[in-house]
Amino acid sequence: MSNNWKRTFAFIWTGQLFSTLSSSVVSFAVIFWLSVQTGSAEVLAFATISSLLPQLVLGLFTGVLVDRWNRKVTMIVADLYIAFVTLIMAALFYTGETDIGYIYILLALRSIGSAFHVPAMEASVPLLAPSDKLMKVAGINNMIFSVSTIGAPALAAIFITAFDMTLVLMFDVIGALIACTSLLFVKIPNPWDRADGELKDEVTGEELVDGVVNFKADKTDSRVKDEFKKFFQELNYGAQEVIKRPGLLWMFIFTIFAALAMVPISTLFPLMTLDHFAGDTFKMSIVEVSWGVGMLIGGGLMSMSWFKFNNVMLINAMYVILGLTFAFTGLLPSGGFNFFVLFTLIGGISGAIFWGTFTVILQKSLDSSVLGRVFSIHNSMIMIPAMISLMITGYIADTIGITNAFIISGSMLIIIGLISPFLPAIRKFSKE
């Protein structure tokens, strides 16, 4: 472990701050634009599905590639690709071709880059920071994300009012270029860099060259066949690393069910503000800012040296708290906007602690050589039910009321948080 890990993270965090902020501004600008133009929960749901679908399809495979490839180069190429797709979207707005179908397609293409960037970044953290600093790193990462969440809605509301959407989208291109530049100044080790002498593949036992199996087959078709077979062996190996830890597996499963509740509700915040509380773009940005402030507080708490709890029990507590904020929001009268902002703030705190703590659990429980696969598998398994839930929640919001969607989702989270601690496998994992 390099003694200059703090300097390395300083460069990475600086670039990621600009990249995350610019991407968040663009995301909120598109959401606000769709909300104002259509006022439909189903449109927002399908826009979110468009952003998730490529990660669902590719996520099960990108982890294997991330664990093979140079992770620094992977992140740079992914950022540049996202910037390129955003540039195309800006050109469409410039020419007036703003058909919602085009937006769906570009959102889907844009998320392909995230399918590679996210697992590469998450899998790189244990290679850069000492094990006892992972919670602090997760806290700071959440703080950076929350700073973007705080500033992005307000900036998006201002930008779409004062500027053309073309200029708003160009902000994301600039942020991606800054992130790529910052990565050029750091060295991100790969798992095979840690080995002394010859390194063997964990699945097949074959010799690795720069982390990739050195096939010596004479025929090209045989080599491709062997590579294809090994690809799925590596994918299965990553899954088995979770399966052989029953407690971790059950936590894995519960986060998937939790995503059924969390992902759709986060999509419906703008429409809840517009429809139930009779708000406007400014109030939509206030709600998003309150969530970001909550995440900033949650990330700040996690980065404190005294923040040491049983991580498993902490996650279960966050399920219950986040669920209560959703359920109480659904019960609010139309004049209760201030309480909506307060509940959203509390939800942001609990959400930051929940996701940050679960990330740390994975990073501490598994070897860094399989983390790319595990994170990508987890992200894909979250998106599968989340996409179904988005369609169902969009239907509920448009037919029987958006408040009922909040109540149902909140109740699901509360039940998960109350059931989880009583499973023997999770109790054992918690003690370990």
Protein backbone atom coordinates (compact mmCIF):
# COMPACT_ATOMS: atom_id res chain seq x y z
CA MET A 1 0.00 0.00 0.00
CA SER A 2 1.45 3.33 -1.06
CA ASN A 3 2.12 5.87 1.68
CA ASN A 4 0.85 8.56 -0.68
CA TRP A 5 -2.67 7.19 -0.81
CA LYS A 6 -4.14 10.45 0.51
CA ARG A 7 -2.49 12.42 -2.30
CA THR A 8 -3.81 9.92 -4.84
CA PHE A 9 -7.33 10.23 -3.50
CA ALA A 10 -7.04 14.02 -3.48
CA PHE A 11 -6.46 13.99 -7.25
CA ILE A 12 -9.21 11.43 -7.86
CA TRP A 13 -11.73 13.19 -5.60
CA THR A 14 -11.07 16.56 -7.24
CA GLY A 15 -11.83 15.18 -10.67
CA GLN A 16 -14.79 13.14 -9.47
CA LEU A 17 -16.27 16.22 -7.78
CA PHE A 18 -16.40 18.10 -11.09
CA SER A 19 -17.57 15.02 -12.99
CA THR A 20 -20.26 14.09 -10.47
CA LEU A 21 -21.48 17.67 -10.15
CA SER A 22 -21.72 18.19 -13.91
CA SER A 23 -23.43 14.82 -14.47
CA SER A 24 -25.89 15.55 -11.65
CA VAL A 25 -26.72 18.97 -13.10
CA VAL A 26 -27.46 17.39 -16.47
CA SER A 27 -29.49 14.56 -14.90
CA PHE A 28 -31.63 16.97 -12.88
CA ALA A 29 -32.01 19.30 -15.86
CA VAL A 30 -33.35 16.43 -17.98
CA ILE A 31 -35.65 15.29 -15.14
CA PHE A 32 -36.98 18.81 -14.58
CA TRP A 33 -37.45 19.28 -18.32
CA LEU A 34 -39.40 16.00 -18.64
CA SER A 35 -41.47 16.80 -15.52
CA VAL A 36 -42.48 20.21 -16.83
CA GLN A 37 -43.03 19.04 -20.41
CA THR A 38 -45.07 15.89 -19.63
CA GLY A 39 -46.12 15.85 -15.96
CA SER A 40 -46.22 12.05 -16.21
CA ALA A 41 -44.81 9.61 -13.67
CA GLU A 42 -44.62 6.93 -16.36
CA VAL A 43 -42.45 9.14 -18.58
CA LEU A 44 -40.02 9.68 -15.70
CA ALA A 45 -40.11 5.95 -14.97
CA PHE A 46 -39.27 5.00 -18.56
CA ALA A 47 -36.53 7.64 -18.68
CA THR A 48 -34.99 6.05 -15.58
CA ILE A 49 -35.39 2.58 -17.08
CA SER A 50 -33.55 3.79 -20.17
CA SER A 51 -30.69 4.83 -17.91
CA LEU A 52 -30.68 1.48 -16.09
CA LEU A 53 -31.20 -1.02 -18.92
CA PRO A 54 -27.65 -0.99 -20.36
CA GLN A 55 -26.19 -1.47 -16.88
CA LEU A 56 -28.62 -4.35 -16.39
CA VAL A 57 -27.54 -6.03 -19.62
CA LEU A 58 -23.83 -5.25 -19.43
CA GLY A 59 -23.36 -5.19 -15.66
CA LEU A 60 -23.07 -8.96 -15.31
CA PHE A 61 -20.14 -8.91 -17.75
CA THR A 62 -18.35 -5.62 -17.19
CA GLY A 63 -17.07 -6.72 -13.79
CA VAL A 64 -15.05 -9.53 -15.37
CA LEU A 65 -13.53 -7.07 -17.82
CA VAL A 66 -12.86 -4.49 -15.11
CA ASP A 67 -10.98 -7.10 -13.06
CA ARG A 68 -8.88 -7.89 -16.16
CA TRP A 69 -8.29 -4.43 -17.57
CA ASN A 70 -6.28 -1.49 -16.33
CA ARG A 71 -8.82 0.23 -14.08
CA LYS A 72 -7.42 3.71 -14.59
CA VAL A 73 -7.68 3.45 -18.37
CA THR A 74 -11.15 1.95 -18.04
CA MET A 75 -12.40 4.94 -16.05
CA ILE A 76 -10.85 7.46 -18.45
CA VAL A 77 -12.34 5.80 -21.54
CA ALA A 78 -15.75 5.49 -19.83
CA ASP A 79 -15.76 9.20 -18.92
CA LEU A 80 -14.80 10.22 -22.45
CA TYR A 81 -17.54 8.00 -23.90
CA ILE A 82 -20.17 9.56 -21.61
CA ALA A 83 -18.99 13.03 -22.64
CA PHE A 84 -19.30 12.07 -26.33
CA VAL A 85 -22.89 10.81 -25.94
CA THR A 86 -23.82 13.93 -23.97
CA LEU A 87 -22.37 16.01 -26.81
CA ILE A 88 -24.74 14.25 -29.23
CA MET A 89 -27.67 15.01 -26.92
CA ALA A 90 -26.62 18.67 -26.82
CA ALA A 91 -26.57 18.73 -30.63
CA LEU A 92 -30.15 17.37 -30.75
CA PHE A 93 -31.39 20.08 -28.40
CA TYR A 94 -29.55 22.66 -30.51
CA THR A 95 -31.33 21.50 -33.67
CA GLY A 96 -34.69 21.20 -31.89
CA GLU A 97 -34.93 17.39 -32.23
CA THR A 98 -36.17 16.87 -28.69
CA ASP A 99 -38.43 13.88 -29.26
CA ILE A 100 -38.73 11.92 -25.99
CA GLY A 101 -37.80 8.72 -27.84
CA TYR A 102 -34.41 10.19 -28.78
CA ILE A 103 -33.85 11.18 -25.17
CA TYR A 104 -34.62 7.62 -24.02
CA ILE A 105 -32.07 6.22 -26.50
CA LEU A 106 -29.31 8.68 -25.54
CA LEU A 107 -29.88 8.12 -21.83
CA ALA A 108 -29.46 4.40 -22.48
CA LEU A 109 -26.28 4.90 -24.50
CA ARG A 110 -24.91 7.28 -21.87
CA SER A 111 -25.30 4.72 -19.12
CA ILE A 112 -23.10 2.21 -20.94
CA GLY A 113 -20.12 4.21 -19.75
CA SER A 114 -21.37 4.06 -16.17
CA ALA A 115 -21.60 0.25 -16.43
CA PHE A 116 -17.79 0.25 -16.72
CA HIS A 117 -16.88 3.33 -14.67
CA VAL A 118 -18.78 2.54 -11.45
CA PRO A 119 -17.39 -0.99 -10.76
CA ALA A 120 -13.89 0.14 -11.83
CA MET A 121 -13.95 2.97 -9.30
CA GLU A 122 -15.46 0.92 -6.47
CA ALA A 123 -13.07 -1.98 -7.05
CA SER A 124 -10.04 0.37 -7.06
CA VAL A 125 -10.64 1.79 -3.57
CA PRO A 126 -9.25 -1.19 -1.56
CA LEU A 127 -6.10 -1.07 -3.73
CA LEU A 128 -5.52 2.58 -2.84
CA ALA A 129 -6.53 2.96 0.81
CA PRO A 130 -5.64 0.94 3.94
CA SER A 131 -8.35 -1.42 5.16
CA ASP A 132 -8.93 0.52 8.37
CA LYS A 133 -9.58 3.70 6.36
CA LEU A 134 -12.26 2.28 4.04
CA MET A 135 -15.17 3.61 6.12
CA LYS A 136 -13.62 7.07 6.13
CA VAL A 137 -13.06 6.88 2.36
CA ALA A 138 -16.67 5.76 1.85
CA GLY A 139 -17.80 8.70 3.96
CA ILE A 140 -15.78 11.20 1.93
CA ASN A 141 -17.02 9.66 -1.32
CA ASN A 142 -20.58 10.12 -0.09
CA MET A 143 -19.78 13.71 0.90
CA ILE A 144 -18.53 14.43 -2.62
CA PHE A 145 -21.64 12.86 -4.10
CA SER A 146 -23.86 14.78 -1.69
CA VAL A 147 -22.14 18.10 -2.47
CA SER A 148 -23.08 17.44 -6.08
CA THR A 149 -26.60 16.50 -5.04
CA ILE A 150 -26.89 19.74 -3.07
CA GLY A 151 -25.58 22.02 -5.80
CA ALA A 152 -26.91 20.20 -8.86
CA PRO A 153 -30.69 20.73 -8.41
CA ALA A 154 -30.28 24.43 -7.71
CA LEU A 155 -27.89 24.85 -10.62
CA ALA A 156 -30.16 22.80 -12.90
CA ALA A 157 -33.19 24.92 -11.96
CA ILE A 158 -31.21 28.10 -12.67
CA PHE A 159 -29.61 26.79 -15.86
CA ILE A 160 -32.80 25.53 -17.56
CA THR A 161 -34.42 28.89 -16.78
CA ALA A 162 -31.53 31.08 -17.89
CA PHE A 163 -29.85 29.00 -20.61
CA ASP A 164 -30.68 26.74 -23.49
CA MET A 165 -30.50 23.00 -22.73
CA THR A 166 -27.58 22.75 -25.15
CA LEU A 167 -25.38 24.85 -22.88
CA VAL A 168 -26.54 22.91 -19.81
CA LEU A 169 -25.49 19.63 -21.42
CA MET A 170 -22.08 21.03 -22.35
CA PHE A 171 -21.40 21.47 -18.63
CA ASP A 172 -21.24 17.66 -18.34
CA VAL A 173 -18.72 17.43 -21.17
CA ILE A 174 -16.41 19.86 -19.37
CA GLY A 175 -16.74 17.94 -16.09
CA ALA A 176 -15.82 14.65 -17.76
CA LEU A 177 -12.69 16.18 -19.30
CA ILE A 178 -11.60 17.49 -15.89
CA ALA A 179 -12.13 14.04 -14.33
CA CYS A 180 -10.05 12.37 -17.06
CA THR A 181 -7.26 14.92 -16.61
CA SER A 182 -7.10 14.31 -12.84
CA LEU A 183 -6.78 10.55 -13.38
CA LEU A 184 -3.72 11.10 -15.59
CA PHE A 185 -1.76 12.29 -12.53
CA VAL A 186 -2.32 9.20 -10.37
CA LYS A 187 -1.35 5.55 -10.43
CA ILE A 188 -4.13 3.06 -9.74
CA PRO A 189 -2.68 -0.40 -9.10
CA ASN A 190 -4.34 -3.52 -10.41
CA PRO A 191 -4.78 -6.72 -8.37
CA TRP A 192 -1.97 -8.52 -10.21
CA ASP A 193 0.47 -5.70 -9.32
CA ARG A 194 0.56 -7.00 -5.75
CA ALA A 195 1.95 -10.41 -6.61
CA ASP A 196 5.59 -11.33 -6.41
CA GLY A 197 6.80 -13.38 -9.36
CA GLU A 198 4.43 -15.46 -11.42
CA LEU A 199 0.73 -14.92 -10.77
CA LYS A 200 -1.81 -17.65 -11.35
CA ASP A 201 -5.44 -17.15 -12.34
CA GLU A 202 -7.74 -17.89 -9.41
CA VAL A 203 -10.15 -19.92 -11.57
CA THR A 204 -8.04 -21.92 -14.02
CA GLY A 205 -4.59 -21.75 -12.47
CA GLU A 206 -3.12 -20.50 -15.73
CA GLU A 207 -0.32 -17.98 -15.87
CA LEU A 208 -1.41 -14.35 -15.99
CA VAL A 209 0.30 -11.66 -18.05
CA ASP A 210 -0.77 -8.18 -16.93
CA GLY A 211 -3.74 -9.82 -15.25
CA VAL A 212 -4.93 -11.69 -18.36
CA VAL A 213 -4.49 -15.40 -19.07
CA ASN A 214 -1.57 -16.02 -21.43
CA PHE A 215 -3.17 -18.50 -23.84
CA LYS A 216 -0.71 -20.50 -25.91
CA ALA A 217 -3.25 -22.17 -28.20
CA ASP A 218 -2.09 -22.46 -31.78
CA LYS A 219 -5.46 -21.87 -33.40
CA THR A 220 -7.34 -18.61 -33.09
CA ASP A 221 -10.75 -20.29 -32.78
CA SER A 222 -9.46 -22.45 -29.92
CA ARG A 223 -8.10 -19.40 -28.16
CA VAL A 224 -11.41 -17.54 -28.53
CA LYS A 225 -13.30 -20.57 -27.26
CA ASP A 226 -11.01 -20.87 -24.25
CA GLU A 227 -11.33 -17.17 -23.55
CA PHE A 228 -15.12 -17.32 -23.76
CA LYS A 229 -15.19 -20.27 -21.38
CA LYS A 230 -12.85 -18.57 -18.94
CA PHE A 231 -14.94 -15.39 -19.06
CA PHE A 232 -17.93 -17.20 -17.57
CA GLN A 233 -15.70 -19.10 -15.16
CA GLU A 234 -14.47 -15.79 -13.78
CA LEU A 235 -18.02 -14.45 -13.57
CA ASN A 236 -19.11 -17.57 -11.69
CA TYR A 237 -16.09 -17.31 -9.39
CA GLY A 238 -17.12 -13.79 -8.38
CA ALA A 239 -20.66 -14.97 -7.62
CA GLN A 240 -19.38 -17.97 -5.64
CA GLU A 241 -17.29 -15.67 -3.43
CA VAL A 242 -20.56 -14.15 -2.21
CA ILE A 243 -22.59 -17.38 -2.15
CA LYS A 244 -20.09 -19.16 0.12
CA ARG A 245 -20.68 -16.44 2.74
CA PRO A 246 -24.37 -17.00 3.68
CA GLY A 247 -24.67 -13.88 5.81
CA LEU A 248 -23.25 -11.66 3.09
CA LEU A 249 -25.46 -13.40 0.51
CA TRP A 250 -28.62 -12.63 2.51
CA MET A 251 -27.56 -8.99 2.89
CA PHE A 252 -26.95 -8.96 -0.86
CA ILE A 253 -30.50 -10.24 -1.42
CA PHE A 254 -32.08 -7.74 0.98
CA THR A 255 -30.43 -4.80 -0.79
CA ILE A 256 -32.06 -6.03 -4.01
CA PHE A 257 -35.50 -5.95 -2.36
CA ALA A 258 -34.68 -2.56 -0.85
CA ALA A 259 -33.94 -1.23 -4.34
CA LEU A 260 -37.52 -2.14 -5.26
CA ALA A 261 -38.61 0.58 -2.86
CA MET A 262 -35.82 3.15 -3.09
CA VAL A 263 -35.20 3.56 -6.82
CA PRO A 264 -38.78 4.37 -7.88
CA ILE A 265 -39.37 6.83 -5.04
CA SER A 266 -36.19 8.75 -5.81
CA THR A 267 -37.54 9.13 -9.35
CA LEU A 268 -40.90 10.48 -8.14
CA PHE A 269 -39.62 13.28 -5.89
CA PRO A 270 -40.16 15.98 -8.58
CA LEU A 271 -43.72 14.88 -9.33
CA MET A 272 -44.54 14.61 -5.62
CA THR A 273 -43.51 18.26 -5.32
CA LEU A 274 -45.48 19.33 -8.39
CA ASP A 275 -48.66 17.31 -7.96
CA HIS A 276 -49.23 16.77 -4.24
CA PHE A 277 -47.63 19.92 -2.83
CA ALA A 278 -48.48 22.19 -5.80
CA GLY A 279 -44.83 23.22 -6.11
CA ASP A 280 -42.70 24.56 -8.93
CA THR A 281 -39.17 24.11 -10.28
CA PHE A 282 -37.72 26.04 -7.35
CA LYS A 283 -39.43 23.78 -4.80
CA MET A 284 -38.33 20.70 -6.77
CA SER A 285 -34.74 21.87 -6.38
CA ILE A 286 -35.26 22.48 -2.63
CA VAL A 287 -36.32 18.86 -2.14
CA GLU A 288 -33.33 17.54 -4.08
CA VAL A 289 -31.01 19.88 -2.18
CA SER A 290 -32.39 18.64 1.15
CA TRP A 291 -31.60 15.05 0.11
CA GLY A 292 -28.08 16.16 -0.83
CA VAL A 293 -27.59 17.96 2.48
CA GLY A 294 -28.69 14.78 4.24
CA MET A 295 -26.16 12.75 2.26
CA LEU A 296 -23.48 15.31 3.11
CA ILE A 297 -24.27 14.94 6.80
CA GLY A 298 -24.35 11.14 6.51
CA GLY A 299 -21.03 11.06 4.67
CA GLY A 300 -19.53 13.46 7.22
CA LEU A 301 -20.62 11.21 10.08
CA MET A 302 -19.09 8.16 8.40
CA SER A 303 -15.76 9.93 7.93
CA MET A 304 -15.46 10.67 11.67
CA SER A 305 -13.01 8.53 13.64
CA TRP A 306 -15.61 7.81 16.35
CA PHE A 307 -18.13 6.47 13.83
CA LYS A 308 -17.67 2.79 14.68
CA PHE A 309 -20.73 0.58 14.85
CA ASN A 310 -21.72 -2.94 13.97
CA ASN A 311 -22.05 -2.44 10.22
CA VAL A 312 -24.72 -5.10 9.73
CA MET A 313 -26.99 -3.71 12.44
CA LEU A 314 -26.33 -0.20 11.17
CA ILE A 315 -27.66 -1.13 7.73
CA ASN A 316 -30.80 -2.66 9.24
CA ALA A 317 -31.43 0.52 11.24
CA MET A 318 -31.08 2.62 8.09
CA TYR A 319 -33.71 0.47 6.34
CA VAL A 320 -36.21 1.33 9.06
CA ILE A 321 -35.37 5.05 9.24
CA LEU A 322 -35.47 5.53 5.47
CA GLY A 323 -38.73 3.57 5.28
CA LEU A 324 -40.32 5.78 7.93
CA THR A 325 -39.38 8.94 6.02
CA PHE A 326 -41.06 7.59 2.86
CA ALA A 327 -44.19 6.41 4.69
CA PHE A 328 -44.60 9.64 6.66
CA THR A 329 -44.18 11.65 3.44
CA GLY A 330 -47.03 9.71 1.85
CA LEU A 331 -49.26 10.57 4.81
CA LEU A 332 -48.59 14.31 4.66
CA PRO A 333 -51.40 16.71 3.64
CA SER A 334 -50.92 18.99 0.63
CA GLY A 335 -49.83 21.80 2.95
CA GLY A 336 -47.03 19.78 4.54
CA PHE A 337 -44.24 20.68 2.13
CA ASN A 338 -41.88 21.79 4.93
CA PHE A 339 -42.21 18.36 6.58
CA PHE A 340 -41.53 16.76 3.19
CA VAL A 341 -38.25 18.66 3.05
CA LEU A 342 -37.40 17.56 6.62
CA PHE A 343 -38.20 13.88 5.94
CA THR A 344 -36.13 14.06 2.74
CA LEU A 345 -33.19 15.44 4.73
CA ILE A 346 -33.39 12.53 7.19
CA GLY A 347 -33.77 10.10 4.30
CA GLY A 348 -30.60 11.47 2.71
CA ILE A 349 -28.65 10.87 5.93
CA SER A 350 -29.85 7.29 6.27
CA GLY A 351 -29.41 6.56 2.55
CA ALA A 352 -25.78 7.74 2.58
CA ILE A 353 -24.95 5.66 5.64
CA PHE A 354 -26.75 2.61 4.23
CA TRP A 355 -25.03 2.49 0.82
CA GLY A 356 -21.66 3.57 2.19
CA THR A 357 -21.69 0.91 4.91
CA PHE A 358 -22.75 -1.86 2.53
CA THR A 359 -19.95 -0.89 0.14
CA VAL A 360 -17.43 -1.12 2.99
CA ILE A 361 -18.78 -4.54 3.99
CA LEU A 362 -18.17 -5.85 0.46
CA GLN A 363 -14.71 -4.26 0.29
CA LYS A 364 -13.67 -5.79 3.63
CA SER A 365 -15.25 -9.21 3.09
CA LEU A 366 -13.90 -9.94 -0.39
CA ASP A 367 -10.52 -9.86 -2.10
CA SER A 368 -9.97 -6.85 -4.33
CA SER A 369 -9.28 -9.13 -7.32
CA VAL A 370 -13.00 -10.10 -7.49
CA LEU A 371 -14.58 -6.81 -6.41
CA GLY A 372 -15.15 -5.58 -9.96
CA ARG A 373 -17.23 -8.65 -10.70
CA VAL A 374 -19.10 -8.54 -7.39
CA PHE A 375 -19.99 -4.85 -7.67
CA SER A 376 -21.16 -5.23 -11.27
CA ILE A 377 -23.24 -8.32 -10.40
CA HIS A 378 -24.75 -6.47 -7.45
CA ASN A 379 -25.56 -3.40 -9.53
CA SER A 380 -27.24 -5.56 -12.16
CA MET A 381 -29.21 -7.57 -9.61
CA ILE A 382 -30.46 -4.32 -8.10
CA MET A 383 -31.57 -2.98 -11.48
CA ILE A 384 -33.59 -6.04 -12.50
CA PRO A 385 -36.30 -5.63 -9.83
CA ALA A 386 -35.89 -1.84 -9.82
CA MET A 387 -36.93 -1.64 -13.48
CA ILE A 388 -40.05 -3.73 -12.82
CA SER A 389 -40.78 -1.65 -9.73
CA LEU A 390 -40.40 1.57 -11.69
CA MET A 391 -43.10 0.54 -14.15
CA ILE A 392 -45.43 -0.60 -11.37
CA THR A 393 -44.80 2.52 -9.30
CA GLY A 394 -45.32 4.77 -12.31
CA TYR A 395 -48.69 3.09 -12.87
CA ILE A 396 -49.63 3.43 -9.18
CA ALA A 397 -48.64 7.09 -9.12
CA ASP A 398 -50.67 7.89 -12.23
CA THR A 399 -53.75 5.87 -11.20
CA ILE A 400 -54.27 5.52 -7.44
CA GLY A 401 -52.05 8.38 -6.29
CA ILE A 402 -48.40 9.23 -5.84
CA THR A 403 -48.76 9.34 -2.03
CA ASN A 404 -49.71 5.65 -2.02
CA ALA A 405 -46.47 4.87 -3.85
CA PHE A 406 -44.51 6.50 -1.01
CA ILE A 407 -46.46 4.63 1.67
CA ILE A 408 -46.04 1.24 -0.03
CA SER A 409 -42.31 1.72 -0.61
CA GLY A 410 -41.72 2.96 2.93
CA SER A 411 -43.55 -0.02 4.40
CA MET A 412 -41.39 -2.41 2.35
CA LEU A 413 -38.18 -0.88 3.72
CA ILE A 414 -39.44 -1.02 7.30
CA ILE A 415 -40.34 -4.71 6.96
CA ILE A 416 -36.90 -5.51 5.50
CA GLY A 417 -35.15 -3.70 8.36
CA LEU A 418 -37.20 -5.57 10.97
CA ILE A 419 -36.89 -9.04 9.42
CA SER A 420 -33.20 -8.98 8.51
CA PRO A 421 -31.69 -9.09 12.05
CA PHE A 422 -33.61 -12.28 12.90
CA LEU A 423 -32.05 -14.41 10.15
CA PRO A 424 -29.46 -16.77 11.73
CA ALA A 425 -26.99 -16.32 8.85
CA ILE A 426 -27.07 -12.52 9.18
CA ARG A 427 -26.77 -12.68 12.98
CA LYS A 428 -23.69 -14.89 12.62
CA PHE A 429 -22.19 -12.65 9.96
CA SER A 430 -22.86 -9.64 12.18
CA LYS A 431 -20.91 -11.19 15.06
CA GLU A 432 -18.03 -12.08 12.76
